[in-house]
Amino acid sequence: MNNTWNKIIYKLWAPVYDLVFNSTLFLQARKTVFKNAPIPPGSRILFVGVGTGADLQLLTQENSTVTAIDISPDMLQQAKKKYGDSQLITFMEMDAQHMNFSDESFDIVIANLVVSVVPDPMLCMKEIIRVTRKEGHILIFDKFGPDDKKLSIRKKIIRPFVSILGTDIGRSFAEMVAPHLETVKQQENAPVLFNGMYRKILLQKVK
């Protein structure tokens, strides 16, 4: 996967994305992920890979400001159709692997269904941690390979074909976070969907 291909494939996904990933099981999963999320009123929130804005409907905090980025202009356009008139949401076309924000700019960074999509998840995770303030939180909802065993033969076989659709089913979250264990602590790592393939992960940046 690379950014050029991602822009092409998500141009195709954009018109139908909500029908698949913002309904039925996925909508319930998103609600589960946001339940008890540490987002107090007045928070500075960053959505990394906001896509069509599926998660924005789940924010209920008052007086919070939201910055929503995505590399796909077509996905962003869908989000703007829903929420573009909000004075509290700023949409920006931006690469999650190279974010144009100062260090510690946000109280919480939400990265749902993005670290399995970007070409370099290690670089993306590094950037996510960089822009999160000390004692701030990182909320992740995504698909991961198992950390305690090898990827199954079936998933190894289909993994290259699934990547053509713009996502990776075999990435290890443990590998992504390993270089940052002195910077963040894991508060939650829970199965959400499809026998734990999709997980909710909550991190807090240490002082």
C-alpha atoms as a PDB file:
ATOM      1  CA  MET A   1       0.000   0.000   0.000  1.00  0.00           C
ATOM      2  CA  ASN A   2       1.100   3.583  -0.636  1.00  0.00           C
ATOM      3  CA  ASN A   3      -0.511   6.996  -0.469  1.00  0.00           C
ATOM      4  CA  THR A   4      -1.114   7.215  -4.197  1.00  0.00           C
ATOM      5  CA  TRP A   5      -2.982   3.913  -4.219  1.00  0.00           C
ATOM      6  CA  ASN A   6      -4.875   4.813  -1.046  1.00  0.00           C
ATOM      7  CA  LYS A   7      -6.194   7.986  -2.672  1.00  0.00           C
ATOM      8  CA  ILE A   8      -7.408   5.953  -5.638  1.00  0.00           C
ATOM      9  CA  ILE A   9      -9.028   3.154  -3.652  1.00  0.00           C
ATOM     10  CA  TYR A  10     -10.695   5.491  -1.152  1.00  0.00           C
ATOM     11  CA  LYS A  11     -12.043   7.601  -3.993  1.00  0.00           C
ATOM     12  CA  LEU A  12     -13.926   4.423  -4.942  1.00  0.00           C
ATOM     13  CA  TRP A  13     -14.854   3.650  -1.325  1.00  0.00           C
ATOM     14  CA  ALA A  14     -16.108   7.149  -0.488  1.00  0.00           C
ATOM     15  CA  PRO A  15     -19.673   6.937  -1.893  1.00  0.00           C
ATOM     16  CA  VAL A  16     -20.428   3.585  -0.225  1.00  0.00           C
ATOM     17  CA  TYR A  17     -18.173   3.622   2.838  1.00  0.00           C
ATOM     18  CA  ASP A  18     -20.922   4.494   5.317  1.00  0.00           C
ATOM     19  CA  LEU A  19     -23.131   1.667   4.065  1.00  0.00           C
ATOM     20  CA  VAL A  20     -20.477  -0.834   5.172  1.00  0.00           C
ATOM     21  CA  PHE A  21     -18.540   0.772   8.014  1.00  0.00           C
ATOM     22  CA  ASN A  22     -21.111   3.063   9.619  1.00  0.00           C
ATOM     23  CA  SER A  23     -24.063   0.720   9.972  1.00  0.00           C
ATOM     24  CA  THR A  24     -25.174  -2.420  11.829  1.00  0.00           C
ATOM     25  CA  LEU A  25     -22.196  -4.201  13.455  1.00  0.00           C
ATOM     26  CA  PHE A  26     -19.667  -1.477  12.727  1.00  0.00           C
ATOM     27  CA  LEU A  27     -21.896   1.287  14.052  1.00  0.00           C
ATOM     28  CA  GLN A  28     -22.413  -0.648  17.275  1.00  0.00           C
ATOM     29  CA  ALA A  29     -18.665  -1.255  17.490  1.00  0.00           C
ATOM     30  CA  ARG A  30     -17.966   2.453  17.100  1.00  0.00           C
ATOM     31  CA  LYS A  31     -20.421   3.225  19.902  1.00  0.00           C
ATOM     32  CA  THR A  32     -18.650   0.669  22.108  1.00  0.00           C
ATOM     33  CA  VAL A  33     -15.290   2.282  21.400  1.00  0.00           C
ATOM     34  CA  PHE A  34     -16.516   5.742  22.414  1.00  0.00           C
ATOM     35  CA  LYS A  35     -18.307   4.578  25.551  1.00  0.00           C
ATOM     36  CA  ASN A  36     -16.576   6.164  28.562  1.00  0.00           C
ATOM     37  CA  ALA A  37     -13.940   7.737  26.337  1.00  0.00           C
ATOM     38  CA  PRO A  38     -11.812  10.230  28.309  1.00  0.00           C
ATOM     39  CA  ILE A  39     -12.967  13.350  26.463  1.00  0.00           C
ATOM     40  CA  PRO A  40     -13.958  16.079  28.928  1.00  0.00           C
ATOM     41  CA  PRO A  41     -15.718  19.260  27.764  1.00  0.00           C
ATOM     42  CA  GLY A  42     -13.364  21.768  26.181  1.00  0.00           C
ATOM     43  CA  SER A  43     -10.987  19.148  24.826  1.00  0.00           C
ATOM     44  CA  ARG A  44      -8.769  19.694  21.824  1.00  0.00           C
ATOM     45  CA  ILE A  45      -9.547  16.629  19.705  1.00  0.00           C
ATOM     46  CA  LEU A  46      -7.700  15.322  16.669  1.00  0.00           C
ATOM     47  CA  PHE A  47      -9.279  12.741  14.382  1.00  0.00           C
ATOM     48  CA  VAL A  48      -6.559  11.044  12.360  1.00  0.00           C
ATOM     49  CA  GLY A  49      -8.028   9.511   9.216  1.00  0.00           C
ATOM     50  CA  VAL A  50     -11.516  10.901   9.807  1.00  0.00           C
ATOM     51  CA  GLY A  51     -12.767   9.388   6.546  1.00  0.00           C
ATOM     52  CA  THR A  52     -16.447  10.151   5.940  1.00  0.00           C
ATOM     53  CA  GLY A  53     -16.846  11.489   9.476  1.00  0.00           C
ATOM     54  CA  ALA A  54     -18.542   8.370  10.802  1.00  0.00           C
ATOM     55  CA  ASP A  55     -17.158   8.919  14.294  1.00  0.00           C
ATOM     56  CA  LEU A  56     -18.006  12.606  14.560  1.00  0.00           C
ATOM     57  CA  GLN A  57     -21.644  11.816  15.313  1.00  0.00           C
ATOM     58  CA  LEU A  58     -20.534  10.054  18.502  1.00  0.00           C
ATOM     59  CA  LEU A  59     -18.975  13.146  20.071  1.00  0.00           C
ATOM     60  CA  THR A  60     -21.201  14.734  22.716  1.00  0.00           C
ATOM     61  CA  GLN A  61     -18.677  16.847  24.621  1.00  0.00           C
ATOM     62  CA  GLU A  62     -19.508  20.531  24.837  1.00  0.00           C
ATOM     63  CA  ASN A  63     -17.131  23.300  23.760  1.00  0.00           C
ATOM     64  CA  SER A  64     -14.581  20.866  22.366  1.00  0.00           C
ATOM     65  CA  THR A  65     -12.714  21.771  19.196  1.00  0.00           C
ATOM     66  CA  VAL A  66     -12.130  19.103  16.576  1.00  0.00           C
ATOM     67  CA  THR A  67      -9.448  18.918  13.919  1.00  0.00           C
ATOM     68  CA  ALA A  68     -10.206  16.188  11.394  1.00  0.00           C
ATOM     69  CA  ILE A  69      -7.578  15.075   8.878  1.00  0.00           C
ATOM     70  CA  ASP A  70      -7.526  12.574   6.047  1.00  0.00           C
ATOM     71  CA  ILE A  71      -5.298  11.994   3.037  1.00  0.00           C
ATOM     72  CA  SER A  72      -8.271  11.263   0.776  1.00  0.00           C
ATOM     73  CA  PRO A  73      -9.994  14.416  -0.530  1.00  0.00           C
ATOM     74  CA  ASP A  74     -12.983  12.309  -1.561  1.00  0.00           C
ATOM     75  CA  MET A  75     -13.482  10.885   1.927  1.00  0.00           C
ATOM     76  CA  LEU A  76     -13.078  14.372   3.404  1.00  0.00           C
ATOM     77  CA  GLN A  77     -15.707  15.678   1.026  1.00  0.00           C
ATOM     78  CA  GLN A  78     -18.188  13.166   2.412  1.00  0.00           C
ATOM     79  CA  ALA A  79     -17.403  14.314   5.960  1.00  0.00           C
ATOM     80  CA  LYS A  80     -17.784  17.960   4.987  1.00  0.00           C
ATOM     81  CA  LYS A  81     -21.217  17.257   3.528  1.00  0.00           C
ATOM     82  CA  LYS A  82     -22.285  16.088   6.991  1.00  0.00           C
ATOM     83  CA  TYR A  83     -20.464  18.523   9.261  1.00  0.00           C
ATOM     84  CA  GLY A  84     -18.877  21.216   7.120  1.00  0.00           C
ATOM     85  CA  ASP A  85     -21.063  23.955   8.601  1.00  0.00           C
ATOM     86  CA  SER A  86     -19.858  23.300  12.154  1.00  0.00           C
ATOM     87  CA  GLN A  87     -17.704  26.065  13.594  1.00  0.00           C
ATOM     88  CA  LEU A  88     -16.085  23.594  15.987  1.00  0.00           C
ATOM     89  CA  ILE A  89     -14.710  21.215  13.326  1.00  0.00           C
ATOM     90  CA  THR A  90     -11.772  21.996  11.043  1.00  0.00           C
ATOM     91  CA  PHE A  91     -11.194  19.622   8.121  1.00  0.00           C
ATOM     92  CA  MET A  92      -7.731  19.318   6.632  1.00  0.00           C
ATOM     93  CA  GLU A  93      -6.225  17.149   3.897  1.00  0.00           C
ATOM     94  CA  MET A  94      -3.103  15.739   5.537  1.00  0.00           C
ATOM     95  CA  ASP A  95      -0.898  12.658   5.690  1.00  0.00           C
ATOM     96  CA  ALA A  96      -1.129  10.955   9.111  1.00  0.00           C
ATOM     97  CA  GLN A  97       2.514   9.954   8.768  1.00  0.00           C
ATOM     98  CA  HIS A  98       3.660  13.585   8.484  1.00  0.00           C
ATOM     99  CA  MET A  99       1.324  15.839  10.447  1.00  0.00           C
ATOM    100  CA  ASN A 100       1.743  19.607  10.356  1.00  0.00           C
ATOM    101  CA  PHE A 101       1.024  20.141  14.030  1.00  0.00           C
ATOM    102  CA  SER A 102       3.294  21.196  16.866  1.00  0.00           C
ATOM    103  CA  ASP A 103       4.269  18.726  19.568  1.00  0.00           C
ATOM    104  CA  GLU A 104       1.588  18.105  22.214  1.00  0.00           C
ATOM    105  CA  SER A 105      -1.118  20.031  20.352  1.00  0.00           C
ATOM    106  CA  PHE A 106      -4.077  17.849  21.353  1.00  0.00           C
ATOM    107  CA  ASP A 107      -5.724  16.499  24.502  1.00  0.00           C
ATOM    108  CA  ILE A 108      -6.911  13.350  22.748  1.00  0.00           C
ATOM    109  CA  VAL A 109      -6.048  11.822  19.403  1.00  0.00           C
ATOM    110  CA  ILE A 110      -8.560   9.424  17.861  1.00  0.00           C
ATOM    111  CA  ALA A 111      -7.193   7.053  15.235  1.00  0.00           C
ATOM    112  CA  ASN A 112      -9.937   4.738  14.066  1.00  0.00           C
ATOM    113  CA  LEU A 113      -9.338   2.413  11.113  1.00  0.00           C
ATOM    114  CA  VAL A 114      -6.195   4.256  10.064  1.00  0.00           C
ATOM    115  CA  VAL A 115      -3.072   2.465  11.373  1.00  0.00           C
ATOM    116  CA  SER A 116      -4.097  -0.567   9.326  1.00  0.00           C
ATOM    117  CA  VAL A 117      -4.302   1.640   6.226  1.00  0.00           C
ATOM    118  CA  VAL A 118      -1.259   3.930   6.209  1.00  0.00           C
ATOM    119  CA  PRO A 119       1.840   2.681   4.361  1.00  0.00           C
ATOM    120  CA  ASP A 120       4.067   3.069   7.452  1.00  0.00           C
ATOM    121  CA  PRO A 121       2.166   2.352  10.705  1.00  0.00           C
ATOM    122  CA  MET A 122       5.303   2.805  12.823  1.00  0.00           C
ATOM    123  CA  LEU A 123       5.743   6.358  11.553  1.00  0.00           C
ATOM    124  CA  CYS A 124       2.031   7.048  11.970  1.00  0.00           C
ATOM    125  CA  MET A 125       2.094   5.886  15.599  1.00  0.00           C
ATOM    126  CA  LYS A 126       5.157   8.022  16.281  1.00  0.00           C
ATOM    127  CA  GLU A 127       3.347  11.072  14.912  1.00  0.00           C
ATOM    128  CA  ILE A 128       0.177  10.332  16.881  1.00  0.00           C
ATOM    129  CA  ILE A 129       2.146  10.171  20.113  1.00  0.00           C
ATOM    130  CA  ARG A 130       4.134  13.295  19.247  1.00  0.00           C
ATOM    131  CA  VAL A 131       1.068  15.515  18.842  1.00  0.00           C
ATOM    132  CA  THR A 132      -0.645  14.230  22.005  1.00  0.00           C
ATOM    133  CA  ARG A 133      -0.043  16.320  25.106  1.00  0.00           C
ATOM    134  CA  LYS A 134       1.510  14.820  28.207  1.00  0.00           C
ATOM    135  CA  GLU A 135      -1.186  12.953  30.194  1.00  0.00           C
ATOM    136  CA  GLY A 136      -3.399  13.136  27.104  1.00  0.00           C
ATOM    137  CA  HIS A 137      -5.043  10.080  25.568  1.00  0.00           C
ATOM    138  CA  ILE A 138      -4.935   8.135  22.319  1.00  0.00           C
ATOM    139  CA  LEU A 139      -8.021   6.157  21.304  1.00  0.00           C
ATOM    140  CA  ILE A 140      -7.642   3.515  18.594  1.00  0.00           C
ATOM    141  CA  PHE A 141     -10.195   1.261  16.923  1.00  0.00           C
ATOM    142  CA  ASP A 142      -8.701  -0.966  14.258  1.00  0.00           C
ATOM    143  CA  LYS A 143      -7.969  -4.456  13.011  1.00  0.00           C
ATOM    144  CA  PHE A 144      -4.797  -6.183  14.174  1.00  0.00           C
ATOM    145  CA  GLY A 145      -3.104  -9.522  13.870  1.00  0.00           C
ATOM    146  CA  PRO A 146      -2.735 -11.538  17.096  1.00  0.00           C
ATOM    147  CA  ASP A 147       0.146 -10.455  19.327  1.00  0.00           C
ATOM    148  CA  ASP A 148       0.595 -13.822  21.026  1.00  0.00           C
ATOM    149  CA  LYS A 149       0.662 -16.104  17.982  1.00  0.00           C
ATOM    150  CA  LYS A 150       1.400 -16.140  14.284  1.00  0.00           C
ATOM    151  CA  LEU A 151      -1.074 -15.039  11.660  1.00  0.00           C
ATOM    152  CA  SER A 152      -3.226 -17.930  10.493  1.00  0.00           C
ATOM    153  CA  ILE A 153      -2.483 -19.565   7.143  1.00  0.00           C
ATOM    154  CA  ARG A 154      -5.830 -18.356   5.776  1.00  0.00           C
ATOM    155  CA  LYS A 155      -5.077 -14.748   6.688  1.00  0.00           C
ATOM    156  CA  LYS A 156      -1.564 -15.017   5.273  1.00  0.00           C
ATOM    157  CA  ILE A 157      -3.055 -16.162   1.980  1.00  0.00           C
ATOM    158  CA  ILE A 158      -5.704 -13.464   1.725  1.00  0.00           C
ATOM    159  CA  ARG A 159      -3.617 -10.643   3.219  1.00  0.00           C
ATOM    160  CA  PRO A 160      -2.113  -9.468  -0.127  1.00  0.00           C
ATOM    161  CA  PHE A 161      -5.528  -9.457  -1.764  1.00  0.00           C
ATOM    162  CA  VAL A 162      -7.146  -7.533   1.088  1.00  0.00           C
ATOM    163  CA  SER A 163      -4.373  -4.934   0.884  1.00  0.00           C
ATOM    164  CA  ILE A 164      -5.529  -4.132  -2.643  1.00  0.00           C
ATOM    165  CA  LEU A 165      -8.755  -2.888  -1.056  1.00  0.00           C
ATOM    166  CA  GLY A 166      -6.745  -0.405   1.022  1.00  0.00           C
ATOM    167  CA  THR A 167      -6.154  -2.116   4.359  1.00  0.00           C
ATOM    168  CA  ASP A 168      -3.899  -4.642   6.098  1.00  0.00           C
ATOM    169  CA  ILE A 169      -5.269  -7.450   8.280  1.00  0.00           C
ATOM    170  CA  GLY A 170      -1.939  -8.595   9.694  1.00  0.00           C
ATOM    171  CA  ARG A 171      -0.334  -5.673  11.491  1.00  0.00           C
ATOM    172  CA  SER A 172       0.743  -6.091  15.095  1.00  0.00           C
ATOM    173  CA  PHE A 173      -0.168  -3.364  17.541  1.00  0.00           C
ATOM    174  CA  ALA A 174       2.475  -4.636  19.964  1.00  0.00           C
ATOM    175  CA  GLU A 175       5.137  -3.944  17.342  1.00  0.00           C
ATOM    176  CA  MET A 176       3.774  -0.468  16.673  1.00  0.00           C
ATOM    177  CA  VAL A 177       3.803   0.594  20.313  1.00  0.00           C
ATOM    178  CA  ALA A 178       6.993  -1.219  21.378  1.00  0.00           C
ATOM    179  CA  PRO A 179       9.357   1.730  20.643  1.00  0.00           C
ATOM    180  CA  HIS A 180       7.164   4.038  22.768  1.00  0.00           C
ATOM    181  CA  LEU A 181       6.613   2.093  25.983  1.00  0.00           C
ATOM    182  CA  GLU A 182       8.469   4.741  27.968  1.00  0.00           C
ATOM    183  CA  THR A 183       6.230   7.433  26.462  1.00  0.00           C
ATOM    184  CA  VAL A 184       2.770   5.879  26.669  1.00  0.00           C
ATOM    185  CA  LYS A 185       1.011   3.434  28.964  1.00  0.00           C
ATOM    186  CA  GLN A 186      -1.757   1.135  27.828  1.00  0.00           C
ATOM    187  CA  GLN A 187      -5.015   1.546  29.741  1.00  0.00           C
ATOM    188  CA  GLU A 188      -7.233  -0.720  27.653  1.00  0.00           C
ATOM    189  CA  ASN A 189      -6.863  -3.311  24.907  1.00  0.00           C
ATOM    190  CA  ALA A 190     -10.209  -5.027  24.366  1.00  0.00           C
ATOM    191  CA  PRO A 191     -11.843  -7.076  21.615  1.00  0.00           C
ATOM    192  CA  VAL A 192     -14.737  -5.298  19.939  1.00  0.00           C
ATOM    193  CA  LEU A 193     -15.644  -7.122  16.740  1.00  0.00           C
ATOM    194  CA  PHE A 194     -15.080 -10.364  14.806  1.00  0.00           C
ATOM    195  CA  ASN A 195     -13.543 -12.428  17.610  1.00  0.00           C
ATOM    196  CA  GLY A 196     -11.066  -9.740  18.561  1.00  0.00           C
ATOM    197  CA  MET A 197      -9.789  -8.963  15.087  1.00  0.00           C
ATOM    198  CA  TYR A 198     -11.074  -5.421  15.667  1.00  0.00           C
ATOM    199  CA  ARG A 199      -9.924  -3.999  18.975  1.00  0.00           C
ATOM    200  CA  LYS A 200     -10.332  -0.918  21.139  1.00  0.00           C
ATOM    201  CA  ILE A 201      -7.058   0.397  22.469  1.00  0.00           C
ATOM    202  CA  LEU A 202      -6.685   3.296  24.890  1.00  0.00           C
ATOM    203  CA  LEU A 203      -3.274   4.775  25.625  1.00  0.00           C
ATOM    204  CA  GLN A 204      -2.221   7.620  27.884  1.00  0.00           C
ATOM    205  CA  LYS A 205       0.899   9.663  27.307  1.00  0.00           C
ATOM    206  CA  VAL A 206       3.058   9.843  30.402  1.00  0.00           C
ATOM    207  CA  LYS A 207       4.441  13.020  31.946  1.00  0.00           C
END
